[in-house]
N, C-alpha and C. Protein backbone atom coordinates (compact mmCIF):
# COMPACT_ATOMS: atom_id res chain seq x y z
N UNK A 1 42.52 27.90 -9.09
CA UNK A 1 43.49 27.94 -7.81
C UNK A 1 44.78 27.12 -7.90
N UNK A 2 45.75 27.71 -7.36
CA UNK A 2 47.09 27.03 -7.15
C UNK A 2 47.31 25.86 -6.64
N UNK A 3 47.94 24.97 -7.26
CA UNK A 3 48.16 23.90 -6.49
C UNK A 3 49.18 23.93 -5.23
N UNK A 4 48.94 23.07 -4.32
CA UNK A 4 49.72 23.08 -3.28
C UNK A 4 50.99 22.25 -3.40
N UNK A 5 52.06 22.85 -2.93
CA UNK A 5 53.36 22.16 -3.41
C UNK A 5 54.31 22.25 -2.11
N UNK A 6 55.10 21.04 -1.71
CA UNK A 6 55.88 21.00 -0.72
C UNK A 6 56.84 22.06 -0.80
N UNK A 7 57.67 22.44 0.22
CA UNK A 7 58.56 23.50 0.28
C UNK A 7 59.84 23.24 -0.50
N UNK A 8 60.20 21.98 -0.37
CA UNK A 8 61.29 21.47 -1.19
C UNK A 8 61.19 21.76 -2.72
N UNK A 9 59.92 21.34 -3.03
CA UNK A 9 59.49 21.51 -4.52
C UNK A 9 59.45 22.86 -4.99
N UNK A 10 58.89 23.74 -3.90
CA UNK A 10 58.54 25.18 -4.24
C UNK A 10 60.03 25.52 -4.50
N UNK A 11 61.16 25.24 -3.65
CA UNK A 11 62.47 25.93 -3.99
C UNK A 11 63.04 25.42 -5.20
N UNK A 12 62.65 24.22 -5.57
CA UNK A 12 63.08 23.79 -6.80
C UNK A 12 62.74 24.56 -8.06
N UNK A 13 61.21 24.79 -7.85
CA UNK A 13 60.71 25.60 -9.03
C UNK A 13 61.28 27.00 -8.94
N UNK A 14 61.48 27.57 -7.87
CA UNK A 14 62.01 28.97 -7.88
C UNK A 14 63.15 28.91 -8.65
N UNK A 15 64.08 27.92 -8.24
CA UNK A 15 65.49 27.96 -9.02
C UNK A 15 65.27 27.65 -10.52
N UNK A 16 64.20 26.76 -10.90
CA UNK A 16 64.19 26.61 -12.23
C UNK A 16 63.59 27.84 -12.98
N UNK A 17 62.84 28.71 -12.30
CA UNK A 17 62.21 29.73 -12.86
C UNK A 17 63.18 31.08 -12.96
N UNK A 18 64.06 31.17 -12.03
CA UNK A 18 65.26 31.94 -12.19
C UNK A 18 66.04 31.76 -13.31
N UNK A 19 66.30 30.42 -13.58
CA UNK A 19 67.18 30.27 -14.76
C UNK A 19 66.25 29.97 -16.11
N UNK A 20 65.06 30.33 -16.03
CA UNK A 20 64.32 30.32 -17.38
C UNK A 20 64.75 31.25 -18.41
N UNK A 21 65.03 30.81 -19.47
CA UNK A 21 65.42 31.54 -20.49
C UNK A 21 64.87 32.87 -20.90
N UNK A 22 63.71 33.02 -20.56
CA UNK A 22 62.77 34.36 -20.86
C UNK A 22 63.18 35.26 -19.68
N UNK A 23 62.96 34.64 -18.41
CA UNK A 23 63.67 35.58 -17.41
C UNK A 23 65.13 36.11 -17.52
N UNK A 24 65.91 35.00 -17.63
CA UNK A 24 67.38 35.59 -17.82
C UNK A 24 67.35 36.57 -19.05
N UNK A 25 66.81 36.48 -20.24
CA UNK A 25 66.80 37.68 -21.14
C UNK A 25 66.27 38.79 -20.57
N UNK A 26 65.26 38.79 -19.90
CA UNK A 26 64.90 40.22 -19.37
C UNK A 26 65.59 40.78 -18.28
N UNK A 27 66.60 39.86 -17.67
CA UNK A 27 67.46 40.45 -16.59
C UNK A 27 68.62 40.77 -17.46
N UNK A 28 69.31 40.08 -18.24
CA UNK A 28 70.26 40.53 -19.24
C UNK A 28 69.95 41.78 -19.86
N UNK A 29 68.74 42.02 -20.52
CA UNK A 29 68.47 42.92 -21.20
C UNK A 29 68.52 44.41 -20.27
N UNK A 30 68.09 44.10 -19.08
CA UNK A 30 67.98 45.25 -18.04
C UNK A 30 69.42 45.70 -17.74
N UNK A 31 70.28 44.65 -17.57
CA UNK A 31 71.82 44.96 -17.06
C UNK A 31 72.40 45.58 -18.44
N UNK A 32 72.17 45.40 -19.55
CA UNK A 32 72.89 45.64 -20.52
C UNK A 32 72.38 47.09 -20.95
N UNK A 33 71.23 47.36 -20.85
CA UNK A 33 70.83 48.73 -20.93
C UNK A 33 71.27 49.88 -20.02
N UNK A 34 71.83 49.21 -18.90
CA UNK A 34 72.21 50.28 -17.85
C UNK A 34 73.64 50.17 -17.53
N UNK A 35 74.42 49.54 -18.30
CA UNK A 35 75.74 49.66 -18.39
C UNK A 35 76.38 50.98 -18.24
N UNK A 36 75.82 51.89 -19.19
CA UNK A 36 76.56 53.23 -19.39
C UNK A 36 76.45 54.11 -17.90
N UNK A 37 75.36 53.80 -17.29
CA UNK A 37 75.17 54.52 -15.94
C UNK A 37 76.03 54.00 -15.11
N UNK A 38 76.43 52.85 -15.01
CA UNK A 38 77.29 52.17 -14.12
C UNK A 38 78.65 52.56 -14.07
N UNK A 39 79.00 52.96 -15.39
CA UNK A 39 80.43 53.05 -15.75
C UNK A 39 80.79 54.39 -15.25
N UNK A 40 79.86 55.48 -14.86
CA UNK A 40 80.31 56.80 -14.48
C UNK A 40 81.33 56.75 -13.44
N UNK A 41 82.21 57.34 -13.43
CA UNK A 41 83.29 57.61 -12.37
C UNK A 41 83.12 58.94 -11.48
N UNK A 42 82.92 58.66 -10.15
CA UNK A 42 82.84 59.67 -9.41
C UNK A 42 84.00 59.85 -8.48
N UNK A 43 84.39 61.24 -8.66
CA UNK A 43 85.83 61.49 -7.99
C UNK A 43 85.97 61.41 -6.48
N UNK A 44 84.70 61.48 -5.91
CA UNK A 44 84.71 61.59 -4.49
C UNK A 44 84.54 60.11 -3.95
N UNK A 45 84.26 59.17 -4.83
CA UNK A 45 84.13 57.68 -4.44
C UNK A 45 82.50 57.38 -4.04
N UNK A 46 81.90 58.44 -4.08
CA UNK A 46 80.30 58.09 -3.86
C UNK A 46 79.64 57.73 -5.22
N UNK A 47 78.45 57.41 -4.88
CA UNK A 47 77.70 56.79 -6.25
C UNK A 47 76.37 57.62 -6.24
N UNK A 48 76.07 57.88 -7.59
CA UNK A 48 74.91 58.62 -7.91
C UNK A 48 73.51 57.95 -7.49
N UNK A 49 72.59 58.52 -6.85
CA UNK A 49 71.33 58.10 -6.37
C UNK A 49 70.64 57.36 -7.51
N UNK A 50 70.92 57.45 -8.96
CA UNK A 50 70.35 56.71 -9.91
C UNK A 50 70.80 55.21 -9.63
N UNK A 51 71.88 54.95 -9.16
CA UNK A 51 72.39 53.57 -9.16
C UNK A 51 71.44 52.76 -7.99
N UNK A 52 70.98 53.64 -7.12
CA UNK A 52 70.23 53.26 -6.07
C UNK A 52 68.80 52.67 -6.63
N UNK A 53 68.19 53.63 -7.53
CA UNK A 53 66.97 53.14 -8.29
C UNK A 53 67.04 52.04 -9.22
N UNK A 54 68.21 52.04 -9.89
CA UNK A 54 68.54 50.72 -10.72
C UNK A 54 68.37 49.71 -10.13
N UNK A 55 69.04 49.60 -8.95
CA UNK A 55 69.25 48.54 -8.22
C UNK A 55 67.79 47.98 -7.63
N UNK A 56 66.96 48.95 -7.19
CA UNK A 56 65.60 48.69 -6.70
C UNK A 56 64.85 47.98 -7.88
N UNK A 57 65.02 48.61 -9.29
CA UNK A 57 64.47 47.87 -10.36
C UNK A 57 64.91 46.48 -10.61
N UNK A 58 66.29 46.39 -10.45
CA UNK A 58 66.91 45.01 -10.69
C UNK A 58 66.25 44.15 -9.60
N UNK A 59 66.21 44.40 -8.37
CA UNK A 59 65.62 43.43 -7.21
C UNK A 59 64.31 43.14 -7.65
N UNK A 60 63.46 44.31 -8.16
CA UNK A 60 62.12 44.05 -8.44
C UNK A 60 61.82 42.95 -9.43
N UNK A 61 62.56 42.78 -10.33
CA UNK A 61 62.49 41.75 -11.42
C UNK A 61 62.52 40.37 -10.68
N UNK A 62 63.61 40.06 -9.74
CA UNK A 62 63.67 38.91 -9.05
C UNK A 62 62.46 38.68 -7.84
N UNK A 63 61.94 39.92 -7.34
CA UNK A 63 60.95 39.59 -6.40
C UNK A 63 59.64 39.38 -7.27
N UNK A 64 59.49 39.96 -8.24
CA UNK A 64 58.10 39.59 -9.04
C UNK A 64 58.23 38.05 -9.52
N UNK A 65 59.44 37.60 -9.97
CA UNK A 65 59.52 36.41 -10.37
C UNK A 65 59.27 35.26 -9.30
N UNK A 66 59.84 35.58 -8.12
CA UNK A 66 59.61 34.91 -6.97
C UNK A 66 58.10 34.69 -6.59
N UNK A 67 57.41 35.97 -6.42
CA UNK A 67 56.00 35.90 -6.30
C UNK A 67 55.20 35.18 -7.36
N UNK A 68 55.53 35.20 -8.57
CA UNK A 68 54.80 34.47 -9.53
C UNK A 68 54.97 33.02 -9.10
N UNK A 69 56.22 32.44 -9.03
CA UNK A 69 56.41 31.22 -8.89
C UNK A 69 55.73 30.55 -7.48
N UNK A 70 55.76 31.49 -6.48
CA UNK A 70 55.23 31.08 -5.23
C UNK A 70 53.62 31.14 -5.35
N UNK A 71 53.27 32.03 -6.12
CA UNK A 71 51.66 32.08 -6.31
C UNK A 71 51.08 30.89 -7.14
N UNK A 72 52.04 30.44 -7.91
CA UNK A 72 51.61 29.23 -9.03
C UNK A 72 51.67 27.86 -7.98
N UNK A 73 52.41 27.90 -6.85
CA UNK A 73 52.58 26.84 -6.03
C UNK A 73 51.86 27.01 -4.89
N UNK A 74 51.00 28.03 -4.67
CA UNK A 74 50.19 28.36 -3.43
C UNK A 74 50.99 28.31 -2.22
N UNK A 75 52.22 28.87 -2.39
CA UNK A 75 52.94 29.06 -1.18
C UNK A 75 53.15 30.74 -0.79
N UNK A 76 53.36 30.97 0.58
CA UNK A 76 53.25 32.23 0.78
C UNK A 76 54.87 32.58 1.10
N UNK A 77 54.99 33.76 0.90
CA UNK A 77 56.38 34.40 0.86
C UNK A 77 56.90 34.24 2.30
N UNK A 78 56.17 34.40 3.33
CA UNK A 78 56.69 34.39 4.49
C UNK A 78 57.22 32.78 4.90
N UNK A 79 56.18 31.89 4.43
CA UNK A 79 56.37 30.79 4.55
C UNK A 79 57.89 30.13 3.90
N UNK A 80 57.86 30.52 2.84
CA UNK A 80 59.25 30.21 1.83
C UNK A 80 60.20 30.89 2.67
N UNK A 81 60.23 32.02 3.11
CA UNK A 81 61.52 32.48 3.80
C UNK A 81 61.90 31.79 5.19
N UNK A 82 60.75 31.36 5.79
CA UNK A 82 60.90 30.84 7.09
C UNK A 82 61.42 29.35 6.73
N UNK A 83 61.09 28.69 5.66
CA UNK A 83 61.53 27.51 5.20
C UNK A 83 63.14 27.76 4.94
N UNK A 84 63.63 28.64 4.18
CA UNK A 84 64.85 28.74 3.64
C UNK A 84 65.59 29.24 4.96
N UNK A 85 65.20 30.06 5.94
CA UNK A 85 65.98 30.34 7.17
C UNK A 85 66.22 29.01 7.75
N UNK A 86 65.35 28.14 8.08
CA UNK A 86 65.45 26.89 8.61
C UNK A 86 66.39 25.84 7.91
N UNK A 87 66.59 25.90 6.65
CA UNK A 87 67.34 25.33 5.86
C UNK A 87 68.63 26.03 6.05
N UNK A 88 68.98 27.21 6.01
CA UNK A 88 70.32 27.91 6.42
C UNK A 88 70.81 27.45 7.55
N UNK A 89 70.15 27.48 8.73
CA UNK A 89 70.54 26.99 9.97
C UNK A 89 71.05 25.42 9.99
N UNK A 90 70.15 24.78 9.36
CA UNK A 90 70.38 23.14 9.32
C UNK A 90 71.76 22.90 8.50
N UNK A 91 71.77 23.42 7.29
CA UNK A 91 72.60 23.19 6.27
C UNK A 91 73.91 24.26 6.21
N UNK A 92 73.99 25.12 7.05
CA UNK A 92 75.02 26.26 6.84
C UNK A 92 76.28 25.83 6.40
N UNK A 93 76.85 24.51 6.81
CA UNK A 93 78.16 24.13 6.37
C UNK A 93 78.08 23.11 4.97
N UNK A 94 76.98 22.87 4.59
CA UNK A 94 76.78 22.24 3.30
C UNK A 94 77.22 22.99 2.15
N UNK A 95 78.20 22.69 1.36
CA UNK A 95 78.35 23.39 0.03
C UNK A 95 77.44 23.37 -0.94
N UNK A 96 76.63 22.27 -0.90
CA UNK A 96 75.42 22.18 -1.93
C UNK A 96 74.32 23.34 -1.63
N UNK A 97 74.23 23.22 -0.19
CA UNK A 97 73.17 24.23 0.10
C UNK A 97 73.72 25.74 -0.20
N UNK A 98 74.84 25.79 0.06
CA UNK A 98 75.55 27.17 -0.15
C UNK A 98 75.46 27.62 -1.38
N UNK A 99 75.63 26.66 -2.51
CA UNK A 99 75.43 26.95 -3.87
C UNK A 99 73.98 27.33 -4.17
N UNK A 100 73.00 26.45 -3.60
CA UNK A 100 71.48 27.00 -3.83
C UNK A 100 71.40 28.27 -3.44
N UNK A 101 71.71 28.82 -2.02
CA UNK A 101 71.69 29.96 -1.58
C UNK A 101 72.04 30.98 -2.30
N UNK A 102 73.37 30.65 -2.80
CA UNK A 102 74.01 31.72 -3.79
C UNK A 102 73.21 31.97 -5.02
N UNK A 103 72.50 30.93 -5.45
CA UNK A 103 71.85 31.03 -6.67
C UNK A 103 70.67 32.03 -6.40
N UNK A 104 69.87 31.97 -5.24
CA UNK A 104 68.66 32.38 -4.70
C UNK A 104 69.14 33.93 -4.46
N UNK A 105 70.24 34.29 -4.07
CA UNK A 105 70.52 35.63 -3.47
C UNK A 105 71.35 36.27 -4.52
N UNK A 106 71.80 35.88 -5.49
CA UNK A 106 72.64 36.57 -6.68
C UNK A 106 72.19 37.83 -6.93
């Protein structure tokens, strides 16, 4: 059974796991494998549908990592998002919070 952890601690763990070398390697590998696809120039300024698919896969890497950490902490995704939303409202002018938010949404 997952341990119960406070939302501030959950947030810290999420940030730590997003910076985990193994996860960073997985993301970096994904990005490097798909550089050629994103280097394609389109004359009309549009983008290939494959870019959307790659972006969805990229997003899923982070979503899966987030779900893993939340599961380990016994936290619910809705509860976490509500907490982050409340923090955003309370600390929207705080540069330190903006740095955390940028790290989570990069």
